[in-house]
Amino acid sequence: MIVLSDSGPLIALSKINYLHILYEFFEEIIIPQAVWIEVVEKGKERPGSKEVQDANWIIVNRVKNILGTEALKHEIDIGESETIILAKERRLNKWKQRLCVLHLIC
């Protein structure tokens, strides 16, 4: 199963030293570019930053539908927007694969 994640689950699992569980349970873990920027670049020295950066099994994808992301980011943050749009793009392009989107509400 393919998993797309926004920043919440990555940060939460990193805080309890369980980020690796994603790699153990799922064949592909994908995050959009905005989540990478939020967790690794802007979140430098915060929980999840080093863990996500060092996890060479996390795949960073760019969103193609920029207009969709722009429309959503007025209601939710950019990382969540890109995760939703990327999930829609992946579902259309890889319809035979199961897809799961991880989101953590804090």
Foldseek 3Di string as FASTA:
>chain_A
DEEEEAQVVLQVCQVVVRNCVCVVPDPAYEFEPVRLCVQAPVVPPHRRNVVVVPPPRYHYDYAPPVVQLVVCCVPPNSRVSSSVRVQVVCCVVPVVDDYYYDDDDD
